[in-house]
Protein backbone atom coordinates (compact mmCIF):
# COMPACT_ATOMS: atom_id res chain seq x y z
CA MET A 1 -38.63 -5.29 -39.20
CA PRO A 2 -41.52 -7.73 -38.26
CA ARG A 3 -40.31 -11.33 -38.35
CA PRO A 4 -42.72 -12.54 -41.12
CA THR A 5 -41.72 -9.53 -43.46
CA GLY A 6 -38.09 -10.53 -42.78
CA ARG A 7 -38.71 -14.14 -43.71
CA VAL A 8 -40.40 -13.13 -46.96
CA LEU A 9 -37.30 -11.07 -47.86
CA THR A 10 -35.11 -14.06 -46.90
CA LEU A 11 -37.23 -16.24 -49.12
CA LEU A 12 -36.80 -13.73 -52.04
CA GLU A 13 -32.89 -13.80 -51.36
CA LEU A 14 -32.94 -17.64 -51.53
CA LEU A 15 -34.87 -17.80 -54.66
CA GLN A 16 -32.66 -15.14 -56.34
CA SER A 17 -29.60 -17.32 -55.69
CA GLY A 18 -30.79 -19.56 -58.53
CA GLY A 19 -32.08 -23.10 -59.12
CA THR A 20 -35.19 -24.81 -57.71
CA ARG A 21 -35.67 -24.85 -54.09
CA THR A 22 -37.91 -27.58 -52.47
CA VAL A 23 -40.56 -26.63 -50.04
CA ALA A 24 -38.84 -28.67 -47.39
CA GLU A 25 -35.55 -26.92 -47.89
CA LEU A 26 -37.11 -23.45 -47.86
CA ALA A 27 -39.15 -24.42 -44.72
CA ASP A 28 -35.96 -25.56 -43.04
CA ARG A 29 -34.01 -22.34 -43.90
CA LEU A 30 -36.87 -20.08 -42.82
CA GLY A 31 -37.58 -22.09 -39.63
CA VAL A 32 -41.28 -22.36 -40.61
CA GLU A 33 -43.81 -25.10 -41.81
CA GLY A 34 -44.33 -25.93 -45.41
CA ARG A 35 -47.78 -24.19 -45.65
CA THR A 36 -46.14 -20.92 -44.27
CA VAL A 37 -43.60 -21.21 -47.16
CA ARG A 38 -46.55 -21.36 -49.64
CA ARG A 39 -48.14 -18.28 -48.02
CA TYR A 40 -44.89 -16.35 -48.25
CA VAL A 41 -44.57 -17.31 -52.00
CA ASN A 42 -48.10 -15.88 -52.49
CA HIS A 43 -46.93 -12.69 -50.89
CA LEU A 44 -44.24 -12.32 -53.41
CA ILE A 45 -46.45 -13.16 -56.25
CA ASP A 46 -48.85 -10.43 -55.08
CA LEU A 47 -45.87 -8.04 -55.30
CA ASP A 48 -45.47 -9.07 -58.89
CA VAL A 49 -42.28 -11.04 -58.22
CA PRO A 50 -42.24 -13.82 -60.81
CA VAL A 51 -42.02 -16.97 -58.63
CA GLU A 52 -42.58 -20.16 -60.54
CA SER A 53 -43.99 -23.46 -59.03
CA VAL A 54 -42.21 -26.58 -60.27
CA ARG A 55 -44.11 -29.84 -60.08
CA GLY A 56 -42.81 -33.42 -59.60
CA ARG A 57 -40.65 -35.35 -57.20
CA TYR A 58 -37.79 -32.72 -57.10
CA GLY A 59 -40.22 -29.82 -57.52
CA GLY A 60 -40.56 -26.73 -55.57
CA TYR A 61 -40.13 -23.06 -56.27
CA ARG A 62 -37.79 -21.02 -58.49
CA MET A 63 -37.37 -17.44 -59.79
CA GLY A 64 -38.89 -17.08 -63.25
CA PRO A 65 -38.45 -14.32 -65.88
CA GLY A 66 -40.83 -11.40 -65.31
CA TYR A 67 -42.09 -8.48 -67.34
CA ARG A 68 -39.96 -6.26 -65.17
CA LEU A 69 -36.95 -6.59 -62.94
CA PRO A 70 -37.92 -7.99 -59.60
CA PRO A 71 -36.55 -6.38 -56.34
CA LEU A 72 -32.96 -7.50 -55.73
CA MET A 73 -31.22 -8.25 -52.44
CA PHE A 74 -27.39 -7.96 -52.32
CA ASN A 75 -24.99 -8.58 -49.36
CA ASP A 76 -22.20 -5.99 -48.79
CA ASP A 77 -19.69 -7.67 -51.17
CA GLU A 78 -22.31 -8.12 -53.96
CA ALA A 79 -23.46 -4.41 -53.68
CA LEU A 80 -19.85 -3.26 -53.76
CA ALA A 81 -19.06 -5.46 -56.72
CA VAL A 82 -21.98 -4.09 -58.77
CA LEU A 83 -21.23 -0.47 -57.93
CA LEU A 84 -17.62 -0.96 -58.68
CA GLY A 85 -18.33 -2.36 -62.11
CA LEU A 86 -20.75 0.46 -62.96
CA ILE A 87 -18.37 3.16 -61.67
CA THR A 88 -15.49 1.58 -63.75
CA GLY A 89 -17.48 1.65 -66.87
CA ARG A 90 -18.43 5.17 -66.25
CA ALA A 91 -14.94 6.42 -65.70
CA ALA A 92 -13.36 4.28 -68.59
CA GLY A 93 -15.75 4.75 -71.39
CA PRO A 94 -17.01 7.59 -73.59
CA ALA A 95 -20.38 9.24 -73.15
CA THR A 96 -22.99 6.81 -74.40
CA ALA A 97 -26.51 5.82 -73.67
CA GLU A 98 -25.08 2.76 -71.72
CA ARG A 99 -22.87 5.13 -69.77
CA THR A 100 -25.84 7.31 -68.77
CA ALA A 101 -27.75 4.22 -67.77
CA GLY A 102 -24.87 3.12 -65.72
CA GLU A 103 -24.84 6.54 -63.85
CA THR A 104 -28.50 6.38 -63.02
CA ALA A 105 -28.10 2.79 -61.85
CA THR A 106 -25.27 3.77 -59.63
CA ALA A 107 -27.16 6.66 -58.11
CA LYS A 108 -30.16 4.37 -57.34
CA ILE A 109 -28.06 1.76 -55.60
CA ARG A 110 -25.99 4.31 -53.80
CA ARG A 111 -29.10 6.05 -52.34
CA VAL A 112 -30.28 2.82 -50.58
CA LEU A 113 -26.91 1.64 -49.23
CA PRO A 114 -26.63 1.12 -45.48
CA LYS A 115 -24.60 4.02 -43.90
CA HIS A 116 -21.62 1.71 -42.98
CA LEU A 117 -21.39 0.40 -46.51
CA ALA A 118 -21.93 3.82 -48.05
CA HIS A 119 -19.03 5.12 -46.00
CA ARG A 120 -16.72 2.41 -47.01
CA LEU A 121 -17.66 2.92 -50.66
CA ASP A 122 -16.92 6.60 -50.46
CA THR A 123 -13.47 5.69 -48.99
CA LEU A 124 -12.85 3.37 -51.88
CA LEU A 125 -13.87 5.81 -54.52
CA GLU A 126 -11.49 8.48 -53.14
CA THR A 127 -8.56 6.14 -53.56
CA LEU A 128 -9.31 4.94 -57.19
CA ALA A 129 -7.49 6.38 -60.12
CA PHE A 130 -7.87 5.43 -63.87
CA THR A 131 -5.24 5.73 -66.58
CA ASP A 132 -5.98 6.62 -70.28
CA GLU A 133 -5.68 2.85 -70.94
CA SER A 134 -8.28 1.78 -68.26
CA ARG A 135 -11.09 1.76 -70.78
CA SER A 136 -9.72 -1.74 -71.79
CA LEU A 137 -10.38 -2.89 -68.20
CA ASP A 138 -12.10 -6.16 -68.54
CA ALA A 139 -10.57 -8.19 -65.68
CA PRO A 140 -12.82 -9.21 -62.82
CA ALA A 141 -13.15 -6.68 -60.04
CA PRO A 142 -10.72 -7.71 -57.09
CA ASP A 143 -11.94 -9.16 -53.84
CA ALA A 144 -14.11 -6.63 -52.21
CA GLY A 145 -12.47 -7.18 -48.80
CA LEU A 146 -8.99 -6.68 -50.31
CA LEU A 147 -10.21 -3.37 -52.00
CA LEU A 148 -11.68 -2.09 -48.85
CA THR A 149 -8.67 -2.90 -46.71
CA LEU A 150 -6.31 -1.17 -49.10
CA ALA A 151 -8.66 1.84 -49.60
CA ASP A 152 -9.01 2.40 -45.82
CA ALA A 153 -5.11 2.15 -45.49
CA VAL A 154 -4.80 4.77 -48.43
CA ARG A 155 -7.27 7.21 -46.87
CA HIS A 156 -5.92 6.98 -43.29
CA HIS A 157 -2.19 6.75 -44.22
CA ARG A 158 -1.86 3.27 -42.62
CA PRO A 159 0.93 0.90 -43.58
CA VAL A 160 -0.21 -2.59 -44.83
CA SER A 161 1.41 -6.01 -44.91
CA ILE A 162 0.71 -8.04 -48.09
CA ARG A 163 1.36 -11.60 -49.08
CA TYR A 164 2.24 -11.61 -52.78
CA ALA A 165 3.01 -14.06 -55.62
CA ASP A 166 5.21 -12.76 -58.43
CA ARG A 167 4.86 -13.68 -62.11
CA HIS A 168 6.53 -17.04 -61.46
CA GLY A 169 4.21 -17.83 -58.52
CA LEU A 170 6.90 -17.34 -55.95
CA PRO A 171 5.38 -16.10 -52.59
CA SER A 172 6.74 -13.17 -50.67
CA GLU A 173 5.67 -10.76 -47.87
CA HIS A 174 6.00 -6.99 -48.04
CA THR A 175 5.21 -3.92 -46.07
CA LEU A 176 3.70 -1.08 -48.10
CA HIS A 177 2.83 2.55 -47.52
CA PRO A 178 -0.01 2.67 -50.12
CA TYR A 179 -0.73 5.75 -52.15
CA GLY A 180 -3.68 4.59 -54.25
CA ILE A 181 -5.46 1.98 -56.26
CA VAL A 182 -5.05 2.20 -60.04
CA ALA A 183 -7.06 0.59 -62.90
CA HIS A 184 -4.87 0.20 -65.99
CA ALA A 185 -5.06 -1.86 -69.24
CA GLY A 186 -7.07 -4.69 -67.85
CA ARG A 187 -5.54 -4.84 -64.48
CA TRP A 188 -5.87 -3.47 -60.93
CA TYR A 189 -2.81 -2.18 -59.01
CA VAL A 190 -1.81 -0.64 -55.70
CA THR A 191 1.05 1.83 -55.65
CA GLY A 192 3.02 3.01 -52.73
CA GLN A 193 6.48 3.15 -51.04
CA ASP A 194 8.34 0.17 -49.55
CA PRO A 195 9.68 1.63 -46.35
CA ARG A 196 12.40 -1.04 -46.11
CA ILE A 197 14.14 0.25 -49.27
CA GLY A 198 12.59 3.71 -49.54
CA GLU A 199 11.47 3.17 -53.16
CA ASP A 200 8.08 3.11 -54.93
CA ARG A 201 6.56 -0.24 -55.61
CA THR A 202 3.51 -1.48 -57.62
CA PHE A 203 1.70 -4.62 -56.90
CA ARG A 204 -1.06 -6.32 -59.03
CA LEU A 205 -4.18 -6.98 -56.84
CA ASP A 206 -4.92 -10.28 -58.47
CA ARG A 207 -1.51 -11.56 -57.11
CA ILE A 208 -2.17 -10.40 -53.54
CA ALA A 209 -3.33 -13.28 -51.54
CA ASP A 210 -3.84 -11.29 -48.29
CA ALA A 211 -3.65 -7.71 -47.00
CA ARG A 212 -3.83 -6.54 -43.41
CA THR A 213 -3.41 -3.09 -41.79
CA LEU A 214 -0.52 -2.58 -39.50
CA PRO A 215 -0.18 -0.14 -36.47
CA GLY A 216 0.98 3.27 -36.95
CA SER A 217 0.80 5.80 -39.89
CA PHE A 218 3.01 7.37 -42.60
CA GLU A 219 3.26 10.82 -44.22
CA PRO A 220 2.43 10.58 -48.03
CA PRO A 221 4.33 12.75 -50.42
CA PRO A 222 2.60 16.13 -51.16
CA ASP A 223 1.32 14.95 -54.64
CA PRO A 224 1.44 11.06 -54.74
CA ASP A 225 -0.56 10.86 -58.09
CA PRO A 226 -0.79 7.06 -58.11
CA ALA A 227 -1.68 6.71 -61.75
CA GLU A 228 1.40 8.77 -62.80
CA ARG A 229 3.73 6.81 -60.48
CA LEU A 230 2.30 3.51 -61.98
CA LEU A 231 3.15 4.67 -65.56
CA THR A 232 6.52 5.93 -64.55
CA GLY A 233 7.34 2.79 -62.78
CA PHE A 234 6.38 0.77 -65.88
CA ALA A 235 8.55 2.90 -68.02
CA THR A 236 11.53 2.86 -65.87
CA ALA A 237 11.49 -0.76 -64.79
CA ASP A 238 14.80 -2.53 -64.52
CA TYR A 239 15.20 -4.32 -67.83
CA ARG A 240 18.16 -5.63 -69.92
CA HIS A 241 18.55 -2.68 -72.41
CA GLU A 242 18.52 0.99 -71.86
CA VAL A 243 17.44 2.81 -75.20
CA THR A 244 17.66 6.45 -76.05
CA VAL A 245 16.13 7.57 -79.39
CA ARG A 246 15.56 11.15 -80.75
CA ILE A 247 12.40 11.28 -82.85
CA HIS A 248 11.18 14.33 -84.91
CA GLY A 249 7.40 14.62 -84.38
CA THR A 250 4.45 15.63 -82.15
CA VAL A 251 3.71 14.04 -78.87
CA GLU A 252 0.62 12.39 -80.24
CA GLN A 253 2.50 10.96 -83.22
CA ILE A 254 5.07 9.40 -80.94
CA ARG A 255 2.77 8.20 -78.29
CA ALA A 256 0.69 6.35 -80.92
CA ARG A 257 3.42 3.79 -81.07
CA LEU A 258 5.32 4.35 -77.73
CA PRO A 259 2.79 4.91 -75.04
CA GLU A 260 3.55 6.09 -71.48
CA THR A 261 3.91 2.59 -70.07
CA VAL A 262 6.75 2.04 -72.40
CA ALA A 263 8.65 5.20 -72.85
CA ARG A 264 9.52 8.36 -71.25
CA LEU A 265 9.36 11.44 -73.51
CA GLU A 266 10.94 14.91 -73.27
CA ASP A 267 11.67 17.83 -75.54
CA ALA A 268 15.03 17.53 -77.23
CA SER A 269 14.95 20.66 -79.47
CA PRO A 270 17.59 23.45 -78.63
CA ALA A 271 14.84 25.93 -77.77
CA GLY A 272 13.15 23.65 -75.28
CA ALA A 273 9.53 23.66 -73.88
CA THR A 274 8.07 23.15 -77.40
CA PRO A 275 4.22 22.76 -77.35
CA PRO A 276 3.12 19.01 -77.60
CA THR A 277 1.28 19.72 -80.87
CA THR A 278 4.45 21.09 -82.55
CA GLU A 279 6.77 18.87 -84.56
CA CYS A 280 10.24 18.83 -83.19
CA TRP A 281 13.06 16.60 -82.02
CA ARG A 282 11.95 14.76 -78.79
CA ARG A 283 14.19 12.41 -76.77
CA VAL A 284 12.60 8.97 -75.97
CA ASP A 285 14.03 6.74 -73.24
CA LEU A 286 12.96 3.12 -72.98
CA ARG A 287 14.10 0.17 -70.80
CA VAL A 288 13.39 -3.17 -72.54
CA GLU A 289 14.21 -6.78 -72.18
CA ARG A 290 14.52 -7.32 -75.91
CA LEU A 291 15.37 -5.05 -78.90
CA ASP A 292 14.15 -7.02 -81.83
CA TRP A 293 10.57 -5.48 -81.68
CA LEU A 294 11.79 -1.91 -81.82
CA PRO A 295 12.94 -1.67 -85.49
CA PRO A 296 9.40 -2.33 -86.95
CA VAL A 297 7.85 0.09 -84.34
CA LEU A 298 10.30 2.90 -85.22
CA ALA A 299 9.73 2.26 -88.98
CA SER A 300 5.84 2.35 -88.42
CA LEU A 301 6.10 5.88 -86.83
CA ASP A 302 7.17 7.22 -90.32
CA ARG A 303 9.18 10.00 -88.62
CA PRO A 304 12.80 10.99 -88.71
CA PHE A 305 14.75 9.43 -85.76
CA ALA A 306 18.36 9.15 -84.52
CA ILE A 307 19.48 6.28 -82.25
CA GLU A 308 21.73 7.51 -79.35
CA ARG A 309 22.10 4.11 -77.72
CA PRO A 310 22.71 1.18 -77.74
CA ASP A 311 24.78 0.38 -80.92
CA GLU A 312 23.09 -3.02 -81.14
CA LEU A 313 19.77 -1.31 -81.96
CA ARG A 314 21.50 0.56 -84.99
CA ASP A 315 22.54 -2.80 -86.30
CA LEU A 316 19.05 -4.30 -85.86
CA VAL A 317 17.49 -1.32 -87.66
CA ALA A 318 20.02 -1.56 -90.46
CA ALA A 319 19.23 -5.21 -90.87
CA PHE A 320 15.50 -4.56 -90.81
CA ALA A 321 15.87 -1.96 -93.57
CA ARG A 322 17.87 -4.30 -95.63
CA ARG A 323 15.06 -7.01 -95.31
CA LEU A 324 12.47 -4.52 -96.41
CA THR A 325 14.53 -3.46 -99.46
CA SER A 326 15.00 -7.13 -100.49
CA TYR A 327 11.27 -7.73 -100.01
CA ALA A 328 10.38 -4.69 -102.20
CA ALA A 329 12.86 -5.71 -104.89
CA ALA A 330 11.69 -9.44 -105.08
CA GLU A 331 9.75 -10.46 -108.04
CA ASN A 332 6.66 -12.65 -107.72
């Protein structure tokens, strides 16, 4: 690219970063004289880029609103962040005009990506998974460097070392054999196996301070299904109480109040293998820290249920029923 053209594009990038830039500042950044800066500005104006001149002691140039979107310049991290946001919206949301616009915008940006970045993006997309609850994803996209490091490790079956902070902010270091990156319910996670203990682990990306690829490789399971592993991990986490309840209803009726992240569900009818749309007895297993929220949830299902364990839950449900009866009988 000829040097003057490259400087014009650099000028465009500087102006797009926001604020008013003085002629002296721009001249210093571009390595040219002030009159050359003015000539470059005129080049941008000739291309219908809305550059405004600001008069006064602290005047200079700034990007103004235009009748059409001016050319945009992104570095690698910015391009990846834009594409990730578009792709997340497309995967999580229903078919709408906004989603269609997002698809066309994604295609346009994807076509002009440098080869090295396009390859890294393809690697990332191959490792992403979305749960049914990912449409509520509104958390900021994780650091691009972290995402790319984990995606590359997933694709090439390379172990990674991560520095992590738990919910209390306590730091720790872990080695992980990553299976995939999952978007779920407003968060981003990486799932995999901890080779030290031989068990599946899930880590929130916003709590990972650093990740680096380690030498060697690992053999992933035949069907790692990161999203399924994430949901199973949430439902079987080590909590204070183990609960088993049999509920008579369809899968949809039960999942309306007890989603996959909370409970495991299996057919408990004598015949077995009953279709999900058929009402029958189904066994629900939960692991919870507290029991007090379960009675109103079971009542809201409005389905017959039987508590197998623990006895403490039976007492809480009975107490909840008595309270409801007293409320109904009370006079205003």
